[in-house]
PDB file of N, CA and C in Angstrom:
ATOM      1  N   MET A   1     126.296  58.190   5.214  1.00  0.00           N
ATOM      2  CA  MET A   1     126.630  59.064   6.074  1.00  0.00           C
ATOM      3  C   MET A   1     127.552  58.166   7.233  1.00  0.00           C
ATOM      4  N   THR A   2     128.643  59.079   7.648  1.00  0.00           N
ATOM      5  CA  THR A   2     129.542  58.755   8.299  1.00  0.00           C
ATOM      6  C   THR A   2     128.751  58.309   9.665  1.00  0.00           C
ATOM      7  N   GLU A   3     129.358  57.474  10.595  1.00  0.00           N
ATOM      8  CA  GLU A   3     129.247  57.199  11.597  1.00  0.00           C
ATOM      9  C   GLU A   3     129.911  58.651  12.662  1.00  0.00           C
ATOM     10  N   ALA A   4     130.529  58.873  12.642  1.00  0.00           N
ATOM     11  CA  ALA A   4     130.362  60.382  13.366  1.00  0.00           C
ATOM     12  C   ALA A   4     129.365  61.454  13.137  1.00  0.00           C
ATOM     13  N   THR A   5     128.783  61.582  11.873  1.00  0.00           N
ATOM     14  CA  THR A   5     127.720  62.487  11.451  1.00  0.00           C
ATOM     15  C   THR A   5     126.481  61.813  12.475  1.00  0.00           C
ATOM     16  N   LEU A   6     126.161  60.691  12.215  1.00  0.00           N
ATOM     17  CA  LEU A   6     125.094  59.981  12.781  1.00  0.00           C
ATOM     18  C   LEU A   6     124.984  60.085  14.284  1.00  0.00           C
ATOM     19  N   LYS A   7     126.181  59.781  14.833  1.00  0.00           N
ATOM     20  CA  LYS A   7     126.324  60.544  16.206  1.00  0.00           C
ATOM     21  C   LYS A   7     126.116  61.713  16.490  1.00  0.00           C
ATOM     22  N   LYS A   8     126.532  62.492  15.734  1.00  0.00           N
ATOM     23  CA  LYS A   8     126.140  64.108  15.906  1.00  0.00           C
ATOM     24  C   LYS A   8     124.782  64.228  16.050  1.00  0.00           C
ATOM     25  N   ILE A   9     124.001  63.602  14.997  1.00  0.00           N
ATOM     26  CA  ILE A   9     122.708  63.887  14.528  1.00  0.00           C
ATOM     27  C   ILE A   9     121.601  63.299  16.095  1.00  0.00           C
ATOM     28  N   SER A  10     122.280  62.145  16.345  1.00  0.00           N
ATOM     29  CA  SER A  10     121.625  61.556  17.403  1.00  0.00           C
ATOM     30  C   SER A  10     121.510  62.332  18.675  1.00  0.00           C
ATOM     31  N   ASN A  11     122.923  62.963  18.935  1.00  0.00           N
ATOM     32  CA  ASN A  11     123.374  63.623  19.863  1.00  0.00           C
ATOM     33  C   ASN A  11     122.164  65.040  19.966  1.00  0.00           C
ATOM     34  N   ILE A  12     122.179  65.930  18.829  1.00  0.00           N
ATOM     35  CA  ILE A  12     121.215  66.833  18.593  1.00  0.00           C
ATOM     36  C   ILE A  12     119.641  66.384  19.155  1.00  0.00           C
ATOM     37  N   GLU A  13     119.307  65.027  18.822  1.00  0.00           N
ATOM     38  CA  GLU A  13     117.985  64.615  18.958  1.00  0.00           C
ATOM     39  C   GLU A  13     117.761  64.507  20.425  1.00  0.00           C
ATOM     40  N   ARG A  14     118.903  64.115  21.058  1.00  0.00           N
ATOM     41  CA  ARG A  14     118.887  63.619  22.806  1.00  0.00           C
ATOM     42  C   ARG A  14     118.653  64.894  23.550  1.00  0.00           C
ATOM     43  N   MET A  15     119.334  65.959  22.516  1.00  0.00           N
ATOM     44  CA  MET A  15     119.495  67.261  23.240  1.00  0.00           C
ATOM     45  C   MET A  15     117.915  68.002  23.281  1.00  0.00           C
ATOM     46  N   LEU A  16     117.432  67.766  21.794  1.00  0.00           N
ATOM     47  CA  LEU A  16     116.072  68.336  21.750  1.00  0.00           C
ATOM     48  C   LEU A  16     115.052  68.027  22.761  1.00  0.00           C
ATOM     49  N   ILE A  17     115.028  66.599  22.910  1.00  0.00           N
ATOM     50  CA  ILE A  17     114.302  65.828  23.726  1.00  0.00           C
ATOM     51  C   ILE A  17     114.530  66.705  25.113  1.00  0.00           C
ATOM     52  N   GLU A  18     115.912  66.617  25.657  1.00  0.00           N
ATOM     53  CA  GLU A  18     115.936  67.388  26.728  1.00  0.00           C
ATOM     54  C   GLU A  18     115.455  68.541  27.150  1.00  0.00           C
ATOM     55  N   ILE A  19     115.630  69.226  26.219  1.00  0.00           N
ATOM     56  CA  ILE A  19     114.967  70.604  26.215  1.00  0.00           C
ATOM     57  C   ILE A  19     113.695  70.864  26.493  1.00  0.00           C
ATOM     58  N   ASN A  20     112.937  69.861  25.643  1.00  0.00           N
ATOM     59  CA  ASN A  20     111.477  69.801  25.758  1.00  0.00           C
ATOM     60  C   ASN A  20     111.051  69.591  27.197  1.00  0.00           C
ATOM     61  N   SER A  21     111.514  68.321  27.621  1.00  0.00           N
ATOM     62  CA  SER A  21     111.354  68.208  29.091  1.00  0.00           C
ATOM     63  C   SER A  21     111.709  69.273  30.076  1.00  0.00           C
ATOM     64  N   LYS A  22     112.239  70.057  29.841  1.00  0.00           N
ATOM     65  CA  LYS A  22     112.777  71.438  30.598  1.00  0.00           C
ATOM     66  C   LYS A  22     112.521  72.729  30.723  1.00  0.00           C
ATOM     67  N   ILE A  23     111.541  72.529  29.485  1.00  0.00           N
ATOM     68  CA  ILE A  23     110.698  74.177  29.016  1.00  0.00           C
ATOM     69  C   ILE A  23     109.939  74.852  30.050  1.00  0.00           C
ATOM     70  N   ASP A  24     109.276  73.777  30.609  1.00  0.00           N
ATOM     71  CA  ASP A  24     108.028  74.565  31.823  1.00  0.00           C
ATOM     72  C   ASP A  24     109.417  75.055  32.705  1.00  0.00           C
ATOM     73  N   ASN A  25     110.397  74.728  33.073  1.00  0.00           N
ATOM     74  CA  ASN A  25     111.037  75.167  34.088  1.00  0.00           C
ATOM     75  C   ASN A  25     111.998  76.507  33.671  1.00  0.00           C
ATOM     76  N   PHE A  26     111.977  77.158  32.594  1.00  0.00           N
ATOM     77  CA  PHE A  26     112.492  77.988  32.053  1.00  0.00           C
ATOM     78  C   PHE A  26     112.171  79.153  32.489  1.00  0.00           C
ATOM     79  N   LEU A  27     112.742  80.129  32.857  1.00  0.00           N
ATOM     80  CA  LEU A  27     112.265  81.704  33.489  1.00  0.00           C
ATOM     81  C   LEU A  27     111.748  82.441  32.414  1.00  0.00           C
ATOM     82  N   GLY A  28     110.447  82.973  33.068  1.00  0.00           N
ATOM     83  CA  GLY A  28     109.809  83.652  31.485  1.00  0.00           C
ATOM     84  C   GLY A  28     108.862  82.736  30.883  1.00  0.00           C
ATOM     85  N   MET A  29     108.800  81.613  31.345  1.00  0.00           N
ATOM     86  CA  MET A  29     107.254  81.033  30.714  1.00  0.00           C
ATOM     87  C   MET A  29     106.120  81.329  31.234  1.00  0.00           C
ATOM     88  N   GLU A  30     106.172  81.962  32.401  1.00  0.00           N
ATOM     89  CA  GLU A  30     104.843  82.219  32.916  1.00  0.00           C
ATOM     90  C   GLU A  30     104.291  83.333  32.372  1.00  0.00           C
ATOM     91  N   GLU A  31     105.148  84.297  31.526  1.00  0.00           N
ATOM     92  CA  GLU A  31     105.158  85.296  31.021  1.00  0.00           C
ATOM     93  C   GLU A  31     104.643  85.124  29.128  1.00  0.00           C
ATOM     94  N   LEU A  32     104.552  84.048  28.720  1.00  0.00           N
ATOM     95  CA  LEU A  32     104.495  83.775  27.319  1.00  0.00           C
ATOM     96  C   LEU A  32     102.911  84.085  27.345  1.00  0.00           C
ATOM     97  N   THR A  33     102.717  84.858  25.994  1.00  0.00           N
ATOM     98  CA  THR A  33     101.271  84.984  25.716  1.00  0.00           C
ATOM     99  C   THR A  33     100.605  83.532  25.342  1.00  0.00           C
ATOM    100  N   GLU A  34      99.294  83.527  25.020  1.00  0.00           N
ATOM    101  CA  GLU A  34      98.567  82.370  24.551  1.00  0.00           C
ATOM    102  C   GLU A  34      99.206  81.823  23.218  1.00  0.00           C
ATOM    103  N   GLY A  35      99.670  82.763  22.448  1.00  0.00           N
ATOM    104  CA  GLY A  35     100.117  82.586  21.141  1.00  0.00           C
ATOM    105  C   GLY A  35     101.326  81.709  21.145  1.00  0.00           C
ATOM    106  N   GLU A  36     102.345  82.157  21.847  1.00  0.00           N
ATOM    107  CA  GLU A  36     103.364  81.411  22.066  1.00  0.00           C
ATOM    108  C   GLU A  36     103.397  80.514  22.846  1.00  0.00           C
ATOM    109  N   TRP A  37     102.131  79.847  23.596  1.00  0.00           N
ATOM    110  CA  TRP A  37     102.355  78.920  24.366  1.00  0.00           C
ATOM    111  C   TRP A  37     101.700  77.893  23.383  1.00  0.00           C
ATOM    112  N   GLU A  38     101.058  78.230  22.471  1.00  0.00           N
ATOM    113  CA  GLU A  38     100.545  77.270  21.347  1.00  0.00           C
ATOM    114  C   GLU A  38     101.621  76.822  20.347  1.00  0.00           C
ATOM    115  N   GLU A  39     102.569  77.977  20.185  1.00  0.00           N
ATOM    116  CA  GLU A  39     103.497  77.381  19.514  1.00  0.00           C
ATOM    117  C   GLU A  39     104.721  76.193  19.919  1.00  0.00           C
ATOM    118  N   VAL A  40     104.939  76.484  21.620  1.00  0.00           N
ATOM    119  CA  VAL A  40     105.517  75.621  22.236  1.00  0.00           C
ATOM    120  C   VAL A  40     105.080  74.175  22.232  1.00  0.00           C
ATOM    121  N   ARG A  41     103.570  74.443  22.199  1.00  0.00           N
ATOM    122  CA  ARG A  41     102.795  72.873  21.991  1.00  0.00           C
ATOM    123  C   ARG A  41     102.876  72.483  20.637  1.00  0.00           C
ATOM    124  N   GLU A  42     102.822  72.961  19.696  1.00  0.00           N
ATOM    125  CA  GLU A  42     103.122  72.481  18.419  1.00  0.00           C
ATOM    126  C   GLU A  42     104.461  71.985  18.459  1.00  0.00           C
ATOM    127  N   ILE A  43     105.645  72.366  18.764  1.00  0.00           N
ATOM    128  CA  ILE A  43     106.614  72.140  18.645  1.00  0.00           C
ATOM    129  C   ILE A  43     107.012  70.880  19.679  1.00  0.00           C
ATOM    130  N   ARG A  44     106.316  70.683  20.676  1.00  0.00           N
ATOM    131  CA  ARG A  44     106.150  69.717  21.307  1.00  0.00           C
ATOM    132  C   ARG A  44     105.610  68.440  20.625  1.00  0.00           C
ATOM    133  N   LYS A  45     104.234  68.534  20.251  1.00  0.00           N
ATOM    134  CA  LYS A  45     103.840  67.583  19.378  1.00  0.00           C
ATOM    135  C   LYS A  45     104.778  67.043  17.959  1.00  0.00           C
ATOM    136  N   GLU A  46     105.182  68.002  17.303  1.00  0.00           N
ATOM    137  CA  GLU A  46     106.319  67.503  16.669  1.00  0.00           C
ATOM    138  C   GLU A  46     107.836  66.797  16.961  1.00  0.00           C
ATOM    139  N   ILE A  47     107.869  67.125  18.130  1.00  0.00           N
ATOM    140  CA  ILE A  47     108.899  66.275  18.743  1.00  0.00           C
ATOM    141  C   ILE A  47     108.649  65.140  19.296  1.00  0.00           C
ATOM    142  N   LYS A  48     107.439  64.852  19.849  1.00  0.00           N
ATOM    143  CA  LYS A  48     106.681  63.639  19.872  1.00  0.00           C
ATOM    144  C   LYS A  48     106.609  62.770  18.860  1.00  0.00           C
ATOM    145  N   LYS A  49     106.580  62.888  17.848  1.00  0.00           N
ATOM    146  CA  LYS A  49     106.218  62.182  16.419  1.00  0.00           C
ATOM    147  C   LYS A  49     107.307  62.406  15.978  1.00  0.00           C
ATOM    148  N   GLY A  50     108.481  62.856  16.420  1.00  0.00           N
ATOM    149  CA  GLY A  50     109.918  63.086  15.321  1.00  0.00           C
ATOM    150  C   GLY A  50     110.013  63.761  14.430  1.00  0.00           C
ATOM    151  N   GLU A  51     108.916  64.635  14.084  1.00  0.00           N
ATOM    152  CA  GLU A  51     108.875  65.507  12.893  1.00  0.00           C
ATOM    153  C   GLU A  51     110.032  66.543  13.134  1.00  0.00           C
ATOM    154  N   TYR A  52     109.961  67.184  13.946  1.00  0.00           N
ATOM    155  CA  TYR A  52     110.929  68.034  14.640  1.00  0.00           C
ATOM    156  C   TYR A  52     112.203  67.665  14.712  1.00  0.00           C
ATOM    157  N   VAL A  53     112.351  66.671  14.988  1.00  0.00           N
ATOM    158  CA  VAL A  53     114.076  65.923  15.201  1.00  0.00           C
ATOM    159  C   VAL A  53     114.641  65.635  13.705  1.00  0.00           C
ATOM    160  N   ARG A  54     113.348  65.223  12.761  1.00  0.00           N
ATOM    161  CA  ARG A  54     113.546  64.593  11.570  1.00  0.00           C
ATOM    162  C   ARG A  54     113.946  65.881  10.760  1.00  0.00           C
ATOM    163  N   ASP A  55     112.996  66.819  10.635  1.00  0.00           N
ATOM    164  CA  ASP A  55     113.433  68.214  10.105  1.00  0.00           C
ATOM    165  C   ASP A  55     114.787  68.454  10.537  1.00  0.00           C
ATOM    166  N   CYS A  56     115.320  68.704  11.541  1.00  0.00           N
ATOM    167  CA  CYS A  56     116.395  69.206  12.002  1.00  0.00           C
ATOM    168  C   CYS A  56     117.423  68.052  11.172  1.00  0.00           C
ATOM    169  N   GLY A  57     117.652  67.207  11.425  1.00  0.00           N
ATOM    170  CA  GLY A  57     118.297  66.280  10.631  1.00  0.00           C
ATOM    171  C   GLY A  57     118.672  66.578   9.198  1.00  0.00           C
ATOM    172  N   THR A  58     117.531  66.718   8.363  1.00  0.00           N
ATOM    173  CA  THR A  58     117.326  67.109   6.940  1.00  0.00           C
ATOM    174  C   THR A  58     118.311  68.146   6.889  1.00  0.00           C
ATOM    175  N   LEU A  59     117.831  69.314   7.845  1.00  0.00           N
ATOM    176  CA  LEU A  59     118.519  70.580   7.821  1.00  0.00           C
ATOM    177  C   LEU A  59     120.190  70.136   7.728  1.00  0.00           C
ATOM    178  N   ILE A  60     120.379  69.502   8.766  1.00  0.00           N
ATOM    179  CA  ILE A  60     122.060  69.259   9.259  1.00  0.00           C
ATOM    180  C   ILE A  60     122.575  68.574   7.585  1.00  0.00           C
ATOM    181  N   LYS A  61     121.860  67.573   7.503  1.00  0.00           N
ATOM    182  CA  LYS A  61     122.506  66.884   6.252  1.00  0.00           C
ATOM    183  C   LYS A  61     122.327  67.986   4.906  1.00  0.00           C
ATOM    184  N   THR A  62     121.747  68.639   4.702  1.00  0.00           N
ATOM    185  CA  THR A  62     122.000  69.944   3.524  1.00  0.00           C
ATOM    186  C   THR A  62     122.909  70.512   4.108  1.00  0.00           C
ATOM    187  N   MET A  63     123.029  70.962   5.070  1.00  0.00           N
ATOM    188  CA  MET A  63     124.095  71.986   5.660  1.00  0.00           C
ATOM    189  C   MET A  63     125.729  71.307   5.266  1.00  0.00           C
ATOM    190  N   ILE A  64     125.852  70.015   5.707  1.00  0.00           N
ATOM    191  CA  ILE A  64     126.901  69.486   5.497  1.00  0.00           C
ATOM    192  C   ILE A  64     127.304  68.693   3.965  1.00  0.00           C
ATOM    193  N   GLY A  65     126.025  69.157   3.069  1.00  0.00           N
ATOM    194  CA  GLY A  65     126.230  68.666   1.858  1.00  0.00           C
ATOM    195  C   GLY A  65     125.859  67.215   1.386  1.00  0.00           C
ATOM    196  N   GLY A  66     125.009  66.818   2.288  1.00  0.00           N
ATOM    197  CA  GLY A  66     124.335  65.517   2.039  1.00  0.00           C
ATOM    198  C   GLY A  66     123.080  65.608   1.619  1.00  0.00           C
ATOM    199  N   LYS A  67     122.202  64.571   1.011  1.00  0.00           N
ATOM    200  CA  LYS A  67     121.083  64.604   0.408  1.00  0.00           C
ATOM    201  C   LYS A  67     120.083  64.394   1.288  1.00  0.00           C
ATOM    202  N   SER A  68     118.824  65.112   1.256  1.00  0.00           N
ATOM    203  CA  SER A  68     117.613  65.101   2.102  1.00  0.00           C
ATOM    204  C   SER A  68     116.532  64.102   2.009  1.00  0.00           C
TER     205      SER A  68
END
């Protein structure tokens, strides 16, 4: 993979982590159902473990023609 592609993936990872840290302050969060909160908690767990970011990286590699 090229340096530019790795840099872009790293930037996406940083943005996902930043989004995760701000999600509670998003307008409308207080209106989420318990099921929606569970989904948010699952995404947070995946992000902490690096799985969500890794899956996004695999998706991006596939989209640009790389191997997953």
